[in-house]
Amino acid sequence: MAKDIKFSADARASMMRGVDILADTVKVTLGL
């Protein structure tokens, strides 16, 4: 059970990192 909780926390962290990278890419593309 603890492993499942850790996995979802890791997955959420990776997803947030991906969203941040995507946002940075969009900002650079738009010249903001």
PDB file of N, CA and C in Angstrom:
ATOM      1  N   MET A   1       0.837  -1.209   0.000  1.00  0.00           N
ATOM      2  CA  MET A   1       0.000   0.000   0.000  1.00  0.00           C
ATOM      3  C   MET A   1       0.870   1.257   0.000  1.00  0.00           C
ATOM      4  N   ALA A   2       1.886   1.283   0.839  1.00  0.00           N
ATOM      5  CA  ALA A   2       2.769   2.452   0.903  1.00  0.00           C
ATOM      6  C   ALA A   2       3.435   2.686  -0.447  1.00  0.00           C
ATOM      7  N   LYS A   3       3.745   1.575  -1.138  1.00  0.00           N
ATOM      8  CA  LYS A   3       4.401   1.699  -2.440  1.00  0.00           C
ATOM      9  C   LYS A   3       3.477   2.414  -3.433  1.00  0.00           C
ATOM     10  N   ASP A   4       2.176   2.097  -3.384  1.00  0.00           N
ATOM     11  CA  ASP A   4       1.215   2.743  -4.276  1.00  0.00           C
ATOM     12  C   ASP A   4       1.165   4.248  -4.020  1.00  0.00           C
ATOM     13  N   ILE A   5       1.170   4.628  -2.744  1.00  0.00           N
ATOM     14  CA  ILE A   5       1.114   6.052  -2.390  1.00  0.00           C
ATOM     15  C   ILE A   5       2.362   6.761  -2.903  1.00  0.00           C
ATOM     16  N   LYS A   6       3.536   6.125  -2.713  1.00  0.00           N
ATOM     17  CA  LYS A   6       4.784   6.720  -3.177  1.00  0.00           C
ATOM     18  C   LYS A   6       4.761   6.852  -4.696  1.00  0.00           C
ATOM     19  N   PHE A   7       4.243   5.821  -5.366  1.00  0.00           N
ATOM     20  CA  PHE A   7       4.205   5.864  -6.830  1.00  0.00           C
ATOM     21  C   PHE A   7       3.350   7.024  -7.316  1.00  0.00           C
ATOM     22  N   SER A   8       2.162   7.204  -6.727  1.00  0.00           N
ATOM     23  CA  SER A   8       1.299   8.287  -7.197  1.00  0.00           C
ATOM     24  C   SER A   8       1.918   9.647  -6.890  1.00  0.00           C
ATOM     25  N   ALA A   9       2.661   9.753  -5.802  1.00  0.00           N
ATOM     26  CA  ALA A   9       3.344  11.015  -5.499  1.00  0.00           C
ATOM     27  C   ALA A   9       4.428  11.271  -6.543  1.00  0.00           C
ATOM     28  N   ASP A  10       5.187  10.228  -6.905  1.00  0.00           N
ATOM     29  CA  ASP A  10       6.224  10.374  -7.930  1.00  0.00           C
ATOM     30  C   ASP A  10       5.598  10.730  -9.271  1.00  0.00           C
ATOM     31  N   ALA A  11       4.505  10.059  -9.604  1.00  0.00           N
ATOM     32  CA  ALA A  11       3.834  10.311 -10.882  1.00  0.00           C
ATOM     33  C   ALA A  11       3.352  11.755 -10.940  1.00  0.00           C
ATOM     34  N   ARG A  12       2.800  12.239  -9.821  1.00  0.00           N
ATOM     35  CA  ARG A  12       2.309  13.619  -9.792  1.00  0.00           C
ATOM     36  C   ARG A  12       3.477  14.589  -9.961  1.00  0.00           C
ATOM     37  N   ALA A  13       4.609  14.300  -9.315  1.00  0.00           N
ATOM     38  CA  ALA A  13       5.787  15.166  -9.424  1.00  0.00           C
ATOM     39  C   ALA A  13       6.290  15.192 -10.867  1.00  0.00           C
ATOM     40  N   SER A  14       6.342  14.033 -11.515  1.00  0.00           N
ATOM     41  CA  SER A  14       6.807  13.986 -12.905  1.00  0.00           C
ATOM     42  C   SER A  14       5.860  14.759 -13.805  1.00  0.00           C
ATOM     43  N   MET A  15       4.572  14.621 -13.548  1.00  0.00           N
ATOM     44  CA  MET A  15       3.582  15.307 -14.362  1.00  0.00           C
ATOM     45  C   MET A  15       3.738  16.821 -14.209  1.00  0.00           C
ATOM     46  N   MET A  16       3.939  17.282 -12.967  1.00  0.00           N
ATOM     47  CA  MET A  16       4.111  18.717 -12.741  1.00  0.00           C
ATOM     48  C   MET A  16       5.363  19.220 -13.442  1.00  0.00           C
ATOM     49  N   ARG A  17       6.433  18.405 -13.405  1.00  0.00           N
ATOM     50  CA  ARG A  17       7.669  18.797 -14.071  1.00  0.00           C
ATOM     51  C   ARG A  17       7.412  18.913 -15.577  1.00  0.00           C
ATOM     52  N   GLY A  18       6.683  17.961 -16.134  1.00  0.00           N
ATOM     53  CA  GLY A  18       6.358  17.992 -17.560  1.00  0.00           C
ATOM     54  C   GLY A  18       5.549  19.234 -17.911  1.00  0.00           C
ATOM     55  N   VAL A  19       4.598  19.581 -17.058  1.00  0.00           N
ATOM     56  CA  VAL A  19       3.767  20.774 -17.297  1.00  0.00           C
ATOM     57  C   VAL A  19       4.635  22.032 -17.249  1.00  0.00           C
ATOM     58  N   ASP A  20       5.566  22.091 -16.304  1.00  0.00           N
ATOM     59  CA  ASP A  20       6.458  23.256 -16.203  1.00  0.00           C
ATOM     60  C   ASP A  20       7.297  23.400 -17.464  1.00  0.00           C
ATOM     61  N   ILE A  21       7.844  22.276 -17.953  1.00  0.00           N
ATOM     62  CA  ILE A  21       8.669  22.307 -19.168  1.00  0.00           C
ATOM     63  C   ILE A  21       7.826  22.781 -20.343  1.00  0.00           C
ATOM     64  N   LEU A  22       6.610  22.260 -20.436  1.00  0.00           N
ATOM     65  CA  LEU A  22       5.707  22.636 -21.520  1.00  0.00           C
ATOM     66  C   LEU A  22       5.405  24.133 -21.454  1.00  0.00           C
ATOM     67  N   ALA A  23       5.126  24.643 -20.269  1.00  0.00           N
ATOM     68  CA  ALA A  23       4.814  26.066 -20.094  1.00  0.00           C
ATOM     69  C   ALA A  23       6.006  26.924 -20.503  1.00  0.00           C
ATOM     70  N   ASP A  24       7.220  26.497 -20.115  1.00  0.00           N
ATOM     71  CA  ASP A  24       8.418  27.256 -20.491  1.00  0.00           C
ATOM     72  C   ASP A  24       8.574  27.274 -22.001  1.00  0.00           C
ATOM     73  N   THR A  25       8.345  26.147 -22.651  1.00  0.00           N
ATOM     74  CA  THR A  25       8.470  26.059 -24.105  1.00  0.00           C
ATOM     75  C   THR A  25       7.488  27.004 -24.777  1.00  0.00           C
ATOM     76  N   VAL A  26       6.265  27.023 -24.287  1.00  0.00           N
ATOM     77  CA  VAL A  26       5.241  27.901 -24.865  1.00  0.00           C
ATOM     78  C   VAL A  26       5.637  29.363 -24.677  1.00  0.00           C
ATOM     79  N   LYS A  27       6.139  29.705 -23.493  1.00  0.00           N
ATOM     80  CA  LYS A  27       6.550  31.093 -23.232  1.00  0.00           C
ATOM     81  C   LYS A  27       7.655  31.513 -24.192  1.00  0.00           C
ATOM     82  N   VAL A  28       8.639  30.637 -24.385  1.00  0.00           N
ATOM     83  CA  VAL A  28       9.751  30.958 -25.290  1.00  0.00           C
ATOM     84  C   VAL A  28       9.230  31.106 -26.714  1.00  0.00           C
ATOM     85  N   THR A  29       8.339  30.205 -27.119  1.00  0.00           N
ATOM     86  CA  THR A  29       7.790  30.243 -28.478  1.00  0.00           C
ATOM     87  C   THR A  29       7.024  31.538 -28.721  1.00  0.00           C
ATOM     88  N   LEU A  30       6.270  31.980 -27.725  1.00  0.00           N
ATOM     89  CA  LEU A  30       5.474  33.198 -27.876  1.00  0.00           C
ATOM     90  C   LEU A  30       6.295  34.455 -27.628  1.00  0.00           C
ATOM     91  N   GLY A  31       7.538  34.277 -27.182  1.00  0.00           N
ATOM     92  CA  GLY A  31       8.392  35.431 -26.938  1.00  0.00           C
ATOM     93  C   GLY A  31       8.014  36.173 -25.669  1.00  0.00           C
ATOM     94  N   LEU A  32       7.398  35.500 -24.710  1.00  0.00           N
ATOM     95  CA  LEU A  32       7.089  36.139 -23.432  1.00  0.00           C
ATOM     96  C   LEU A  32       8.283  35.911 -22.536  1.00  0.00           C
TER      97      LEU A  32
END
